[in-house]
C-alpha atoms as a PDB file:
ATOM      1  CA  MET A   1      -0.024  -0.003   0.139  1.00  0.00           C
ATOM      2  CA  PRO A   2       1.408   3.503  -0.990  1.00  0.00           C
ATOM      3  CA  LYS A   3       1.984   5.920   1.976  1.00  0.00           C
ATOM      4  CA  VAL A   4       0.216   8.574   0.233  1.00  0.00           C
ATOM      5  CA  SER A   5      -2.025   8.976  -2.945  1.00  0.00           C
ATOM      6  CA  VAL A   6      -1.761  12.028  -4.659  1.00  0.00           C
ATOM      7  CA  ILE A   7      -4.999  12.978  -6.951  1.00  0.00           C
ATOM      8  CA  SER A   8      -4.687  15.864  -9.336  1.00  0.00           C
ATOM      9  CA  PRO A   9      -7.238  16.985 -11.793  1.00  0.00           C
ATOM     10  CA  ILE A  10      -6.095  17.832 -15.067  1.00  0.00           C
ATOM     11  CA  TYR A  11      -8.338  20.471 -17.144  1.00  0.00           C
ATOM     12  CA  ASN A  12      -6.432  22.745 -19.528  1.00  0.00           C
ATOM     13  CA  VAL A  13      -3.408  23.352 -17.665  1.00  0.00           C
ATOM     14  CA  SER A  14      -0.861  22.460 -20.632  1.00  0.00           C
ATOM     15  CA  GLN A  15       1.499  25.454 -19.735  1.00  0.00           C
ATOM     16  CA  TYR A  16       1.754  24.491 -15.910  1.00  0.00           C
ATOM     17  CA  VAL A  17       1.450  20.605 -15.635  1.00  0.00           C
ATOM     18  CA  GLU A  18       5.029  19.701 -15.795  1.00  0.00           C
ATOM     19  CA  ARG A  19       5.835  22.112 -13.203  1.00  0.00           C
ATOM     20  CA  CYS A  20       3.608  20.197 -11.096  1.00  0.00           C
ATOM     21  CA  MET A  21       4.766  16.915 -12.098  1.00  0.00           C
ATOM     22  CA  ASP A  22       8.174  17.976 -11.352  1.00  0.00           C
ATOM     23  CA  SER A  23       7.563  18.842  -7.938  1.00  0.00           C
ATOM     24  CA  LEU A  24       5.819  15.534  -7.259  1.00  0.00           C
ATOM     25  CA  ARG A  25       8.539  13.669  -8.945  1.00  0.00           C
ATOM     26  CA  MET A  26      11.161  15.404  -6.358  1.00  0.00           C
ATOM     27  CA  GLN A  27       9.178  14.233  -3.308  1.00  0.00           C
ATOM     28  CA  THR A  28      11.465  12.928  -0.379  1.00  0.00           C
ATOM     29  CA  LEU A  29       8.582  10.183   0.624  1.00  0.00           C
ATOM     30  CA  ASP A  30       9.675   7.003  -0.528  1.00  0.00           C
ATOM     31  CA  ASP A  31       6.384   5.644  -1.402  1.00  0.00           C
ATOM     32  CA  ILE A  32       3.498   7.625  -3.023  1.00  0.00           C
ATOM     33  CA  GLU A  33       0.942   6.964  -5.711  1.00  0.00           C
ATOM     34  CA  VAL A  34       0.002   9.847  -8.160  1.00  0.00           C
ATOM     35  CA  LEU A  35      -3.483   9.798  -9.854  1.00  0.00           C
ATOM     36  CA  PHE A  36      -4.039  12.473 -12.832  1.00  0.00           C
ATOM     37  CA  VAL A  37      -7.660  12.532 -13.355  1.00  0.00           C
ATOM     38  CA  ASP A  38      -8.598  13.856 -17.096  1.00  0.00           C
ATOM     39  CA  ASP A  39     -11.347  16.062 -16.537  1.00  0.00           C
ATOM     40  CA  ARG A  40     -11.793  16.148 -20.488  1.00  0.00           C
ATOM     41  CA  GLY A  41      -9.941  19.744 -21.208  1.00  0.00           C
ATOM     42  CA  LYS A  42      -9.641  21.237 -24.493  1.00  0.00           C
ATOM     43  CA  ASP A  43      -5.922  21.468 -24.871  1.00  0.00           C
ATOM     44  CA  ASN A  44      -3.209  18.965 -24.670  1.00  0.00           C
ATOM     45  CA  SER A  45      -2.503  18.598 -20.841  1.00  0.00           C
ATOM     46  CA  VAL A  46      -3.193  14.789 -20.921  1.00  0.00           C
ATOM     47  CA  GLU A  47      -0.794  14.052 -23.670  1.00  0.00           C
ATOM     48  CA  ILE A  48       1.867  16.249 -21.971  1.00  0.00           C
ATOM     49  CA  SER A  49       1.269  14.394 -19.008  1.00  0.00           C
ATOM     50  CA  CYS A  50       1.429  10.983 -20.645  1.00  0.00           C
ATOM     51  CA  ASN A  51       4.706  11.817 -22.281  1.00  0.00           C
ATOM     52  CA  TYR A  52       6.192  12.805 -19.113  1.00  0.00           C
ATOM     53  CA  ILE A  53       5.112   9.558 -17.370  1.00  0.00           C
ATOM     54  CA  ALA A  54       6.684   7.725 -19.966  1.00  0.00           C
ATOM     55  CA  ALA A  55       9.889   9.848 -20.184  1.00  0.00           C
ATOM     56  CA  HIS A  56      10.753   9.302 -16.428  1.00  0.00           C
ATOM     57  CA  ALA A  57       9.431   5.676 -16.500  1.00  0.00           C
ATOM     58  CA  LEU A  58       6.909   6.319 -13.724  1.00  0.00           C
ATOM     59  CA  GLN A  59       4.165   3.987 -15.064  1.00  0.00           C
ATOM     60  CA  ASP A  60       4.394   1.585 -12.187  1.00  0.00           C
ATOM     61  CA  ARG A  61       3.030   4.255  -9.662  1.00  0.00           C
ATOM     62  CA  TRP A  62       1.594   7.246 -11.958  1.00  0.00           C
ATOM     63  CA  HIS A  63      -1.750   6.788 -13.675  1.00  0.00           C
ATOM     64  CA  ILE A  64      -4.119   8.862 -15.981  1.00  0.00           C
ATOM     65  CA  ILE A  65      -7.624   8.295 -15.038  1.00  0.00           C
ATOM     66  CA  SER A  66     -10.220   9.413 -17.559  1.00  0.00           C
ATOM     67  CA  MET A  67     -13.772  10.911 -16.778  1.00  0.00           C
ATOM     68  CA  PRO A  68     -16.614  10.330 -19.197  1.00  0.00           C
ATOM     69  CA  GLU A  69     -17.093  13.891 -19.225  1.00  0.00           C
ATOM     70  CA  ASN A  70     -16.119  17.286 -17.382  1.00  0.00           C
ATOM     71  CA  GLY A  71     -17.717  17.356 -14.419  1.00  0.00           C
ATOM     72  CA  GLY A  72     -15.896  20.105 -12.686  1.00  0.00           C
ATOM     73  CA  PRO A  73     -12.722  19.384  -9.852  1.00  0.00           C
ATOM     74  CA  GLY A  74     -15.033  18.162  -7.184  1.00  0.00           C
ATOM     75  CA  ALA A  75     -16.059  15.180  -9.433  1.00  0.00           C
ATOM     76  CA  ALA A  76     -12.834  14.543 -10.737  1.00  0.00           C
ATOM     77  CA  ARG A  77     -11.251  14.485  -7.038  1.00  0.00           C
ATOM     78  CA  ASN A  78     -14.293  12.155  -6.098  1.00  0.00           C
ATOM     79  CA  ARG A  79     -13.172   9.458  -8.897  1.00  0.00           C
ATOM     80  CA  GLY A  80      -9.572   9.871  -7.562  1.00  0.00           C
ATOM     81  CA  ILE A  81     -10.688   8.792  -4.139  1.00  0.00           C
ATOM     82  CA  GLN A  82     -12.808   6.073  -5.878  1.00  0.00           C
ATOM     83  CA  GLU A  83      -9.270   4.747  -7.352  1.00  0.00           C
ATOM     84  CA  ALA A  84      -6.631   5.529  -4.976  1.00  0.00           C
ATOM     85  CA  THR A  85      -4.849   2.763  -2.575  1.00  0.00           C
ATOM     86  CA  GLY A  86      -2.633   5.067  -0.668  1.00  0.00           C
ATOM     87  CA  GLU A  87      -2.996   5.109   3.385  1.00  0.00           C
ATOM     88  CA  TYR A  88      -3.351   8.766   3.175  1.00  0.00           C
ATOM     89  CA  ILE A  89      -5.034  10.955   0.323  1.00  0.00           C
ATOM     90  CA  ALA A  90      -3.790  14.025  -0.885  1.00  0.00           C
ATOM     91  CA  PHE A  91      -5.204  16.599  -3.445  1.00  0.00           C
ATOM     92  CA  VAL A  92      -2.944  18.650  -5.909  1.00  0.00           C
ATOM     93  CA  ASP A  93      -4.066  21.074  -8.513  1.00  0.00           C
ATOM     94  CA  ALA A  94      -2.288  20.483 -11.677  1.00  0.00           C
ATOM     95  CA  ASP A  95      -1.457  24.168 -12.236  1.00  0.00           C
ATOM     96  CA  ASP A  96      -0.032  24.466  -8.517  1.00  0.00           C
ATOM     97  CA  TRP A  97       3.235  23.023  -7.343  1.00  0.00           C
ATOM     98  CA  VAL A  98       4.730  21.688  -3.853  1.00  0.00           C
ATOM     99  CA  GLU A  99       7.673  21.835  -1.919  1.00  0.00           C
ATOM    100  CA  PRO A 100       9.714  18.260  -1.744  1.00  0.00           C
ATOM    101  CA  MET A 101       9.320  17.642   1.891  1.00  0.00           C
ATOM    102  CA  MET A 102       5.520  18.151   1.859  1.00  0.00           C
ATOM    103  CA  PHE A 103       4.436  14.494   1.933  1.00  0.00           C
ATOM    104  CA  GLU A 104       7.040  13.383   4.245  1.00  0.00           C
ATOM    105  CA  ALA A 105       6.545  16.031   6.593  1.00  0.00           C
ATOM    106  CA  LEU A 106       2.758  15.807   6.760  1.00  0.00           C
ATOM    107  CA  TYR A 107       2.796  11.660   6.755  1.00  0.00           C
ATOM    108  CA  HIS A 108       5.318  11.685   9.450  1.00  0.00           C
ATOM    109  CA  ALA A 109       2.951  14.201  11.693  1.00  0.00           C
ATOM    110  CA  ALA A 110      -0.150  12.287  10.695  1.00  0.00           C
ATOM    111  CA  LYS A 111       1.450   8.769  11.769  1.00  0.00           C
ATOM    112  CA  THR A 112       2.770  10.363  14.964  1.00  0.00           C
ATOM    113  CA  ALA A 113      -0.422  11.711  16.082  1.00  0.00           C
ATOM    114  CA  ASN A 114      -2.642   8.965  14.672  1.00  0.00           C
ATOM    115  CA  ALA A 115      -4.592  11.870  12.754  1.00  0.00           C
ATOM    116  CA  ASP A 116      -7.323  11.765  10.365  1.00  0.00           C
ATOM    117  CA  LEU A 117      -5.970  14.753   8.623  1.00  0.00           C
ATOM    118  CA  SER A 118      -2.663  16.466   8.749  1.00  0.00           C
ATOM    119  CA  ALA A 119      -2.601  20.241   7.683  1.00  0.00           C
ATOM    120  CA  GLY A 120       0.135  22.515   6.567  1.00  0.00           C
ATOM    121  CA  ALA A 121      -0.067  25.968   5.130  1.00  0.00           C
ATOM    122  CA  THR A 122      -0.328  27.373   1.635  1.00  0.00           C
ATOM    123  CA  SER A 123       1.797  29.928   0.034  1.00  0.00           C
ATOM    124  CA  TRP A 124      -0.813  32.082  -2.312  1.00  0.00           C
ATOM    125  CA  ASP A 125       1.666  33.012  -5.032  1.00  0.00           C
ATOM    126  CA  TYR A 126       0.435  36.132  -7.049  1.00  0.00           C
ATOM    127  CA  PRO A 127       1.691  37.210 -10.793  1.00  0.00           C
ATOM    128  CA  ASP A 128       3.404  40.042  -9.266  1.00  0.00           C
ATOM    129  CA  GLY A 129       5.833  37.503  -7.260  1.00  0.00           C
ATOM    130  CA  GLN A 130       4.140  38.489  -4.134  1.00  0.00           C
ATOM    131  CA  HIS A 131       3.368  35.978  -1.555  1.00  0.00           C
ATOM    132  CA  THR A 132       0.716  35.612   1.164  1.00  0.00           C
ATOM    133  CA  ILE A 133       0.765  32.673   3.721  1.00  0.00           C
ATOM    134  CA  ALA A 134      -2.530  30.961   4.597  1.00  0.00           C
ATOM    135  CA  VAL A 135      -3.053  28.942   7.329  1.00  0.00           C
ATOM    136  CA  ASN A 136      -5.966  27.662   9.354  1.00  0.00           C
ATOM    137  CA  PRO A 137      -6.746  28.465  13.051  1.00  0.00           C
ATOM    138  CA  HIS A 138      -4.064  26.764  15.369  1.00  0.00           C
ATOM    139  CA  VAL A 139      -5.497  24.472  17.526  1.00  0.00           C
ATOM    140  CA  GLY A 140      -2.614  21.987  17.911  1.00  0.00           C
ATOM    141  CA  THR A 141      -2.171  18.624  17.153  1.00  0.00           C
ATOM    142  CA  GLY A 142      -3.943  15.750  18.859  1.00  0.00           C
ATOM    143  CA  MET A 143      -7.648  14.873  19.837  1.00  0.00           C
ATOM    144  CA  LEU A 144      -9.998  17.641  18.918  1.00  0.00           C
ATOM    145  CA  ASN A 145     -12.298  18.702  21.899  1.00  0.00           C
ATOM    146  CA  ASP A 146     -15.836  20.348  21.037  1.00  0.00           C
ATOM    147  CA  MET A 147     -14.417  24.097  21.841  1.00  0.00           C
ATOM    148  CA  GLN A 148     -11.508  23.398  19.307  1.00  0.00           C
ATOM    149  CA  ARG A 149     -13.987  21.749  16.713  1.00  0.00           C
ATOM    150  CA  ARG A 150     -16.287  24.752  16.976  1.00  0.00           C
ATOM    151  CA  PHE A 151     -13.406  27.302  16.658  1.00  0.00           C
ATOM    152  CA  LEU A 152     -12.072  25.494  13.331  1.00  0.00           C
ATOM    153  CA  LEU A 153     -15.500  25.272  11.877  1.00  0.00           C
ATOM    154  CA  ARG A 154     -16.089  29.199  12.648  1.00  0.00           C
ATOM    155  CA  HIS A 155     -12.853  30.351  11.259  1.00  0.00           C
ATOM    156  CA  TYR A 156     -11.498  27.791   9.117  1.00  0.00           C
ATOM    157  CA  ILE A 157     -10.260  28.530   5.272  1.00  0.00           C
ATOM    158  CA  SER A 158     -10.452  25.547   2.788  1.00  0.00           C
ATOM    159  CA  ASN A 159      -6.349  25.048   2.497  1.00  0.00           C
ATOM    160  CA  PHE A 160      -7.584  21.321   1.780  1.00  0.00           C
ATOM    161  CA  THR A 161      -4.598  21.052  -0.798  1.00  0.00           C
ATOM    162  CA  GLY A 162      -2.068  21.993   1.829  1.00  0.00           C
ATOM    163  CA  MET A 163      -3.404  18.679   3.797  1.00  0.00           C
ATOM    164  CA  ILE A 164      -3.579  14.805   3.709  1.00  0.00           C
ATOM    165  CA  PHE A 165      -6.347  12.932   4.640  1.00  0.00           C
ATOM    166  CA  ARG A 166      -6.611   9.410   5.942  1.00  0.00           C
ATOM    167  CA  ARG A 167      -8.217   7.240   2.912  1.00  0.00           C
ATOM    168  CA  GLU A 168      -9.926   4.812   5.566  1.00  0.00           C
ATOM    169  CA  TRP A 169     -11.530   7.936   7.185  1.00  0.00           C
ATOM    170  CA  LEU A 170     -12.811   9.403   4.102  1.00  0.00           C
ATOM    171  CA  LEU A 171     -14.311   6.163   2.848  1.00  0.00           C
ATOM    172  CA  GLU A 172     -16.127   5.446   6.430  1.00  0.00           C
ATOM    173  CA  ASN A 173     -17.493   8.698   6.720  1.00  0.00           C
ATOM    174  CA  LYS A 174     -18.518   8.855   2.897  1.00  0.00           C
ATOM    175  CA  LEU A 175     -16.730  12.006   2.901  1.00  0.00           C
ATOM    176  CA  ARG A 176     -16.676  13.693  -0.737  1.00  0.00           C
ATOM    177  CA  PHE A 177     -16.588  16.936  -2.779  1.00  0.00           C
ATOM    178  CA  PRO A 178     -20.323  17.967  -3.466  1.00  0.00           C
ATOM    179  CA  ALA A 179     -21.428  18.446  -7.228  1.00  0.00           C
ATOM    180  CA  ALA A 180     -20.900  22.125  -7.309  1.00  0.00           C
ATOM    181  CA  ARG A 181     -18.275  24.215  -9.305  1.00  0.00           C
ATOM    182  CA  SER A 182     -17.717  26.967  -6.743  1.00  0.00           C
ATOM    183  CA  GLY A 183     -17.492  26.206  -3.001  1.00  0.00           C
ATOM    184  CA  GLU A 184     -17.078  22.642  -3.003  1.00  0.00           C
ATOM    185  CA  ASP A 185     -13.610  22.683  -1.593  1.00  0.00           C
ATOM    186  CA  SER A 186     -14.898  24.643   1.811  1.00  0.00           C
ATOM    187  CA  SER A 187     -18.033  22.524   1.863  1.00  0.00           C
ATOM    188  CA  PHE A 188     -15.532  19.473   1.606  1.00  0.00           C
ATOM    189  CA  MET A 189     -13.606  20.639   4.767  1.00  0.00           C
ATOM    190  CA  GLY A 190     -16.624  21.704   6.843  1.00  0.00           C
ATOM    191  CA  GLN A 191     -17.436  18.170   6.545  1.00  0.00           C
ATOM    192  CA  CYS A 192     -14.106  16.983   7.501  1.00  0.00           C
ATOM    193  CA  TYR A 193     -13.803  19.293  10.485  1.00  0.00           C
ATOM    194  CA  LEU A 194     -17.483  18.047  11.714  1.00  0.00           C
ATOM    195  CA  VAL A 195     -16.409  14.240  12.061  1.00  0.00           C
ATOM    196  CA  ALA A 196     -12.268  14.570  12.528  1.00  0.00           C
ATOM    197  CA  ASN A 197     -11.200  12.967  15.751  1.00  0.00           C
ATOM    198  CA  ARG A 198      -7.902  13.682  15.579  1.00  0.00           C
ATOM    199  CA  ILE A 199      -5.611  16.214  13.550  1.00  0.00           C
ATOM    200  CA  ALA A 200      -1.927  17.198  13.180  1.00  0.00           C
ATOM    201  CA  GLN A 201      -1.026  20.912  12.383  1.00  0.00           C
ATOM    202  CA  CYS A 202       2.550  21.573  10.764  1.00  0.00           C
ATOM    203  CA  ASP A 203       1.785  25.291   9.652  1.00  0.00           C
ATOM    204  CA  GLU A 204       4.550  24.984   7.294  1.00  0.00           C
ATOM    205  CA  PRO A 205       3.906  26.518   3.712  1.00  0.00           C
ATOM    206  CA  PHE A 206       4.750  23.476   1.735  1.00  0.00           C
ATOM    207  CA  TYR A 207       2.166  23.961  -1.040  1.00  0.00           C
ATOM    208  CA  HIS A 208       2.054  26.850  -3.490  1.00  0.00           C
ATOM    209  CA  TYR A 209      -1.343  27.914  -4.720  1.00  0.00           C
ATOM    210  CA  VAL A 210      -0.478  30.037  -7.981  1.00  0.00           C
ATOM    211  CA  ILE A 211      -3.030  32.762  -8.831  1.00  0.00           C
ATOM    212  CA  HIS A 212      -3.322  33.500 -12.322  1.00  0.00           C
ATOM    213  CA  ALA A 213      -4.807  36.832 -13.631  1.00  0.00           C
ATOM    214  CA  ASP A 214      -7.649  34.540 -15.641  1.00  0.00           C
ATOM    215  CA  SER A 215      -8.333  32.155 -12.927  1.00  0.00           C
ATOM    216  CA  ILE A 216     -12.077  31.364 -12.460  1.00  0.00           C
ATOM    217  CA  SER A 217     -11.803  31.085  -8.679  1.00  0.00           C
ATOM    218  CA  HIS A 218     -10.952  34.737  -8.458  1.00  0.00           C
ATOM    219  CA  LYS A 219     -13.305  36.276 -10.611  1.00  0.00           C
ATOM    220  CA  ARG A 220     -16.839  37.934  -9.623  1.00  0.00           C
ATOM    221  CA  ARG A 221     -19.615  35.696 -10.957  1.00  0.00           C
ATOM    222  CA  VAL A 222     -22.987  35.881  -9.829  1.00  0.00           C
ATOM    223  CA  TRP A 223     -23.524  31.997 -10.998  1.00  0.00           C
ATOM    224  CA  ARG A 224     -21.186  31.137  -8.226  1.00  0.00           C
ATOM    225  CA  GLY A 225     -23.814  31.992  -5.743  1.00  0.00           C
ATOM    226  CA  ARG A 226     -25.970  29.250  -7.048  1.00  0.00           C
ATOM    227  CA  GLU A 227     -23.198  27.051  -6.796  1.00  0.00           C
ATOM    228  CA  LYS A 228     -22.099  28.102  -3.265  1.00  0.00           C
ATOM    229  CA  ARG A 229     -25.644  27.386  -2.158  1.00  0.00           C
ATOM    230  CA  LYS A 230     -25.446  23.918  -3.543  1.00  0.00           C
ATOM    231  CA  ALA A 231     -22.253  23.076  -2.098  1.00  0.00           C
ATOM    232  CA  PHE A 232     -23.325  24.191   1.327  1.00  0.00           C
ATOM    233  CA  ARG A 233     -26.462  22.329   1.044  1.00  0.00           C
ATOM    234  CA  ALA A 234     -24.632  19.673   0.467  1.00  0.00           C
ATOM    235  CA  MET A 235     -22.696  20.242   4.015  1.00  0.00           C
ATOM    236  CA  LEU A 236     -26.238  20.711   5.804  1.00  0.00           C
ATOM    237  CA  THR A 237     -27.402  17.059   4.531  1.00  0.00           C
ATOM    238  CA  PHE A 238     -24.164  15.532   5.574  1.00  0.00           C
ATOM    239  CA  ALA A 239     -24.473  16.947   9.247  1.00  0.00           C
ATOM    240  CA  LYS A 240     -28.101  15.612   9.302  1.00  0.00           C
ATOM    241  CA  VAL A 241     -27.012  12.122   8.014  1.00  0.00           C
ATOM    242  CA  GLN A 242     -24.054  12.238  10.721  1.00  0.00           C
ATOM    243  CA  HIS A 243     -26.686  13.479  13.428  1.00  0.00           C
ATOM    244  CA  LEU A 244     -24.592  16.566  14.207  1.00  0.00           C
ATOM    245  CA  LEU A 245     -26.868  19.173  12.848  1.00  0.00           C
ATOM    246  CA  SER A 246     -28.807  19.787  16.116  1.00  0.00           C
ATOM    247  CA  GLU A 247     -25.231  19.868  18.290  1.00  0.00           C
ATOM    248  CA  TYR A 248     -23.561  22.403  15.391  1.00  0.00           C
ATOM    249  CA  ARG A 249     -26.849  24.022  14.111  1.00  0.00           C
ATOM    250  CA  TRP A 250     -25.870  27.760  14.881  1.00  0.00           C
ATOM    251  CA  THR A 251     -22.123  26.950  13.783  1.00  0.00           C
ATOM    252  CA  ILE A 252     -23.191  25.421  10.291  1.00  0.00           C
ATOM    253  CA  TYR A 253     -25.435  28.520  10.054  1.00  0.00           C
ATOM    254  CA  TRP A 254     -23.027  31.110  10.429  1.00  0.00           C
ATOM    255  CA  ILE A 255     -20.855  29.114   8.016  1.00  0.00           C
ATOM    256  CA  TYR A 256     -23.707  29.404   5.519  1.00  0.00           C
ATOM    257  CA  PHE A 257     -24.065  32.992   6.231  1.00  0.00           C
ATOM    258  CA  LYS A 258     -20.195  33.807   6.076  1.00  0.00           C
ATOM    259  CA  LYS A 259     -19.260  31.541   2.891  1.00  0.00           C
ATOM    260  CA  VAL A 260     -22.444  31.701   1.073  1.00  0.00           C
ATOM    261  CA  ILE A 261     -24.876  34.990   1.673  1.00  0.00           C
ATOM    262  CA  ALA A 262     -21.879  37.385   2.452  1.00  0.00           C
ATOM    263  CA  THR A 263     -19.664  36.138  -0.505  1.00  0.00           C
ATOM    264  CA  SER A 264     -22.535  36.162  -2.838  1.00  0.00           C
ATOM    265  CA  ILE A 265     -23.553  39.589  -2.124  1.00  0.00           C
ATOM    266  CA  SER A 266     -20.084  40.789  -2.389  1.00  0.00           C
ATOM    267  CA  ASP A 267     -19.764  39.003  -5.891  1.00  0.00           C
ATOM    268  CA  TYR A 268     -23.223  40.303  -6.931  1.00  0.00           C
ATOM    269  CA  VAL A 269     -22.047  44.186  -5.859  1.00  0.00           C
ATOM    270  CA  LYS A 270     -18.786  43.814  -7.992  1.00  0.00           C
ATOM    271  CA  SER A 271     -20.472  42.231 -10.855  1.00  0.00           C
ATOM    272  CA  TRP A 272     -22.117  45.808 -11.333  1.00  0.00           C
END
């Protein structure tokens, strides 16, 4: 069993994907599986990826998985979860890149703490060369108590690509990305924090989230409000299924207000 399975959706990233693959190939962790999920883009990203895998003789642990049609990044990641065989699962967007020590450090922290998820920080890399370090609220490593869980839920940022997740825990709790094209990552992380028992926090910026001027996630679009509502309705449903809605009702409603209503109003105003 690989120690970590890395899932990376491929969709129109031809100018970036080799940089991402280089960073994955240089990982110091000695046993990782890499699953590139072809999300039916319109460029030659998949051809580049296949050639890279062949040129570096990586076929034994690096694989291309094809989606039947473009379903968005959440659907591609869910397919990767279904196919992954590693002890832990990580998600890397193919236009980003990671530091060589990332998975070794997160895996060691996870195993030491017997954690369901192990979190690092993220460097937001801007086109002008500036960087911002994004990190989730610090609650320490170990068992989550109720106060820490509520604190994380009230203040978390998505940052899921800077983490690894225990695969069996994801499967047991049916943790998946909702079928939405905006807010699916934040909804997924909210669900994870609702049911996590033990976490590890490294707070080192191993992941480089590269912000492009034409990035969809940083454009203001009115349709994003509809997709965010869909994503966070999935979180409400998850809380009900897990019998956690009554206990965390007001915390979840606060998340909905902050991440759906407030951001939708902001997007609407900025679209004028």
